Structure formats: C-alpha cells, structure tokens
Amino acid sequence: MEPADVTDTSLFKEDHGADSLRAIEILAALEREFDITIDQAELSRMVNLNGVRAVVAEAEASR
C-alpha cells in the first residue's frame, strides 16, 4: 500500500487488497510500536485507519 493512497475510511481489504496475513502483521507491528496488547478478535474492527486508531486508543487506555 502506498501511504498517500490510504485514507481514514478506505478499507484495507476491499480498497487496498490487504489479506488476513497482512492484518496480523499490522496488529503485531502496532503492539511492538505502542507496547500494547491487542486481542486478535479486534481485527474485525481494524478495517481502516479509523478502526485502527480506535483499537489502539482502547488498548493504550487499558494498560
């Protein structure tokens, strides 16, 4: 994915062709970057940048 092509609401899978493996890689990278733990069940909410931000904010708040 090109960063310039990704918007807050563009869908990773439908608009950018990301697969489930890519989603897990993103989740792992977020956990490392922010020193948080994200349940894999949250992947269903992480369909775009808005969803990722919400999940990360909740994980940070619960540490």
N, C-alpha and C. Protein backbone atom coordinates (compact mmCIF):
# COMPACT_ATOMS: atom_id res chain seq x y z
N MET A 1 0.84 -1.18 0.00
CA MET A 1 0.00 0.00 0.00
C MET A 1 0.88 1.24 0.00
N GLU A 2 0.49 2.19 -0.75
CA GLU A 2 1.17 3.48 -0.74
C GLU A 2 0.52 4.35 0.33
N PRO A 3 1.29 4.93 1.22
CA PRO A 3 0.70 5.75 2.29
C PRO A 3 -0.22 6.85 1.78
N ALA A 4 0.10 7.45 0.66
CA ALA A 4 -0.72 8.53 0.12
C ALA A 4 -2.09 8.04 -0.35
N ASP A 5 -2.20 6.74 -0.63
CA ASP A 5 -3.46 6.18 -1.11
C ASP A 5 -4.41 5.78 0.01
N VAL A 6 -3.90 5.72 1.23
CA VAL A 6 -4.70 5.26 2.36
C VAL A 6 -5.35 6.47 3.04
N THR A 7 -6.67 6.43 3.15
CA THR A 7 -7.40 7.48 3.85
C THR A 7 -7.94 6.92 5.16
N ASP A 8 -8.51 7.78 5.97
CA ASP A 8 -9.07 7.35 7.25
C ASP A 8 -10.16 6.29 7.08
N THR A 9 -10.88 6.35 5.98
CA THR A 9 -12.03 5.46 5.80
C THR A 9 -11.85 4.43 4.68
N SER A 10 -10.74 4.49 3.94
CA SER A 10 -10.56 3.49 2.89
C SER A 10 -10.33 2.13 3.55
N LEU A 11 -10.90 1.12 2.97
CA LEU A 11 -10.88 -0.23 3.55
C LEU A 11 -9.62 -0.97 3.11
N PHE A 12 -8.89 -1.52 4.08
CA PHE A 12 -7.64 -2.19 3.78
C PHE A 12 -7.83 -3.34 2.79
N LYS A 13 -8.81 -4.18 3.04
CA LYS A 13 -9.03 -5.36 2.20
C LYS A 13 -9.64 -4.99 0.85
N GLU A 14 -10.77 -4.32 0.88
CA GLU A 14 -11.50 -4.03 -0.34
C GLU A 14 -10.82 -2.99 -1.23
N ASP A 15 -10.29 -1.94 -0.63
CA ASP A 15 -9.71 -0.85 -1.42
C ASP A 15 -8.23 -1.03 -1.71
N HIS A 16 -7.54 -1.78 -0.85
CA HIS A 16 -6.08 -1.86 -0.98
C HIS A 16 -5.55 -3.29 -1.14
N GLY A 17 -6.45 -4.26 -1.15
CA GLY A 17 -6.05 -5.64 -1.41
C GLY A 17 -5.27 -6.33 -0.29
N ALA A 18 -5.38 -5.82 0.94
CA ALA A 18 -4.69 -6.46 2.06
C ALA A 18 -5.39 -7.76 2.41
N ASP A 19 -4.60 -8.77 2.75
CA ASP A 19 -5.19 -10.05 3.15
C ASP A 19 -5.09 -10.23 4.66
N SER A 20 -5.58 -11.37 5.16
CA SER A 20 -5.61 -11.58 6.61
C SER A 20 -4.21 -11.67 7.20
N LEU A 21 -3.25 -12.18 6.44
CA LEU A 21 -1.88 -12.22 6.93
C LEU A 21 -1.34 -10.82 7.13
N ARG A 22 -1.64 -9.93 6.21
CA ARG A 22 -1.21 -8.53 6.34
C ARG A 22 -1.84 -7.89 7.57
N ALA A 23 -3.10 -8.21 7.84
CA ALA A 23 -3.78 -7.65 9.02
C ALA A 23 -3.08 -8.10 10.31
N ILE A 24 -2.68 -9.36 10.36
CA ILE A 24 -1.98 -9.86 11.54
C ILE A 24 -0.61 -9.19 11.67
N GLU A 25 0.06 -8.96 10.55
CA GLU A 25 1.35 -8.27 10.58
C GLU A 25 1.19 -6.84 11.10
N ILE A 26 0.13 -6.17 10.68
CA ILE A 26 -0.15 -4.81 11.14
C ILE A 26 -0.42 -4.82 12.65
N LEU A 27 -1.22 -5.78 13.10
CA LEU A 27 -1.53 -5.89 14.52
C LEU A 27 -0.24 -6.07 15.33
N ALA A 28 0.62 -6.97 14.89
CA ALA A 28 1.89 -7.22 15.60
C ALA A 28 2.77 -5.98 15.61
N ALA A 29 2.82 -5.26 14.50
CA ALA A 29 3.63 -4.04 14.43
C ALA A 29 3.10 -2.97 15.37
N LEU A 30 1.78 -2.86 15.46
CA LEU A 30 1.18 -1.89 16.38
C LEU A 30 1.50 -2.25 17.82
N GLU A 31 1.43 -3.54 18.15
CA GLU A 31 1.76 -3.97 19.51
C GLU A 31 3.20 -3.61 19.87
N ARG A 32 4.10 -3.84 18.94
CA ARG A 32 5.52 -3.50 19.20
C ARG A 32 5.72 -1.99 19.30
N GLU A 33 5.15 -1.26 18.37
CA GLU A 33 5.35 0.19 18.31
C GLU A 33 4.82 0.90 19.55
N PHE A 34 3.64 0.49 20.00
CA PHE A 34 2.98 1.18 21.11
C PHE A 34 3.08 0.45 22.44
N ASP A 35 3.79 -0.70 22.45
CA ASP A 35 3.95 -1.51 23.66
C ASP A 35 2.59 -1.81 24.30
N ILE A 36 1.70 -2.36 23.48
CA ILE A 36 0.35 -2.71 23.91
C ILE A 36 0.05 -4.14 23.49
N THR A 37 -1.05 -4.68 23.99
CA THR A 37 -1.54 -5.98 23.57
C THR A 37 -2.91 -5.80 22.96
N ILE A 38 -3.10 -6.35 21.77
CA ILE A 38 -4.38 -6.25 21.07
C ILE A 38 -4.89 -7.67 20.82
N ASP A 39 -6.09 -7.96 21.30
CA ASP A 39 -6.71 -9.25 21.06
C ASP A 39 -6.97 -9.42 19.56
N GLN A 40 -6.69 -10.60 19.02
CA GLN A 40 -6.90 -10.82 17.59
C GLN A 40 -8.37 -10.65 17.19
N ALA A 41 -9.28 -10.76 18.14
CA ALA A 41 -10.70 -10.55 17.84
C ALA A 41 -10.95 -9.11 17.38
N GLU A 42 -10.05 -8.20 17.74
CA GLU A 42 -10.20 -6.79 17.35
C GLU A 42 -9.92 -6.57 15.86
N LEU A 43 -9.34 -7.57 15.19
CA LEU A 43 -9.06 -7.43 13.76
C LEU A 43 -10.33 -7.10 12.97
N SER A 44 -11.47 -7.58 13.44
CA SER A 44 -12.72 -7.31 12.73
C SER A 44 -13.08 -5.83 12.75
N ARG A 45 -12.56 -5.09 13.71
CA ARG A 45 -12.80 -3.64 13.79
C ARG A 45 -11.72 -2.84 13.06
N MET A 46 -10.60 -3.47 12.79
CA MET A 46 -9.45 -2.76 12.21
C MET A 46 -9.48 -2.84 10.69
N VAL A 47 -10.55 -2.34 10.11
CA VAL A 47 -10.73 -2.43 8.65
C VAL A 47 -10.23 -1.19 7.92
N ASN A 48 -9.99 -0.11 8.67
CA ASN A 48 -9.47 1.12 8.10
C ASN A 48 -8.70 1.88 9.19
N LEU A 49 -8.14 3.02 8.85
CA LEU A 49 -7.34 3.76 9.83
C LEU A 49 -8.17 4.20 11.03
N ASN A 50 -9.41 4.59 10.81
CA ASN A 50 -10.26 4.98 11.94
C ASN A 50 -10.42 3.82 12.92
N GLY A 51 -10.64 2.62 12.41
CA GLY A 51 -10.78 1.45 13.27
C GLY A 51 -9.49 1.14 14.00
N VAL A 52 -8.37 1.26 13.31
CA VAL A 52 -7.07 1.00 13.94
C VAL A 52 -6.84 1.99 15.07
N ARG A 53 -7.11 3.25 14.81
CA ARG A 53 -6.91 4.27 15.86
C ARG A 53 -7.77 3.99 17.09
N ALA A 54 -9.02 3.58 16.88
CA ALA A 54 -9.92 3.29 18.00
C ALA A 54 -9.41 2.11 18.82
N VAL A 55 -8.98 1.05 18.16
CA VAL A 55 -8.49 -0.13 18.85
C VAL A 55 -7.20 0.19 19.62
N VAL A 56 -6.30 0.92 19.00
CA VAL A 56 -5.04 1.28 19.66
C VAL A 56 -5.33 2.17 20.87
N ALA A 57 -6.22 3.14 20.72
CA ALA A 57 -6.55 4.03 21.84
C ALA A 57 -7.13 3.25 23.01
N GLU A 58 -8.01 2.29 22.73
CA GLU A 58 -8.59 1.47 23.79
C GLU A 58 -7.53 0.59 24.46
N ALA A 59 -6.64 0.04 23.68
CA ALA A 59 -5.57 -0.80 24.25
C ALA A 59 -4.63 0.04 25.12
N GLU A 60 -4.33 1.24 24.67
CA GLU A 60 -3.48 2.12 25.47
C GLU A 60 -4.17 2.51 26.78
N ALA A 61 -5.46 2.78 26.72
CA ALA A 61 -6.21 3.18 27.89
C ALA A 61 -6.33 2.06 28.92
N SER A 62 -6.28 0.82 28.45
CA SER A 62 -6.46 -0.32 29.37
C SER A 62 -5.16 -0.84 29.96
N ARG A 63 -4.03 -0.24 29.60
CA ARG A 63 -2.76 -0.74 30.19
C ARG A 63 -2.55 -0.23 31.55
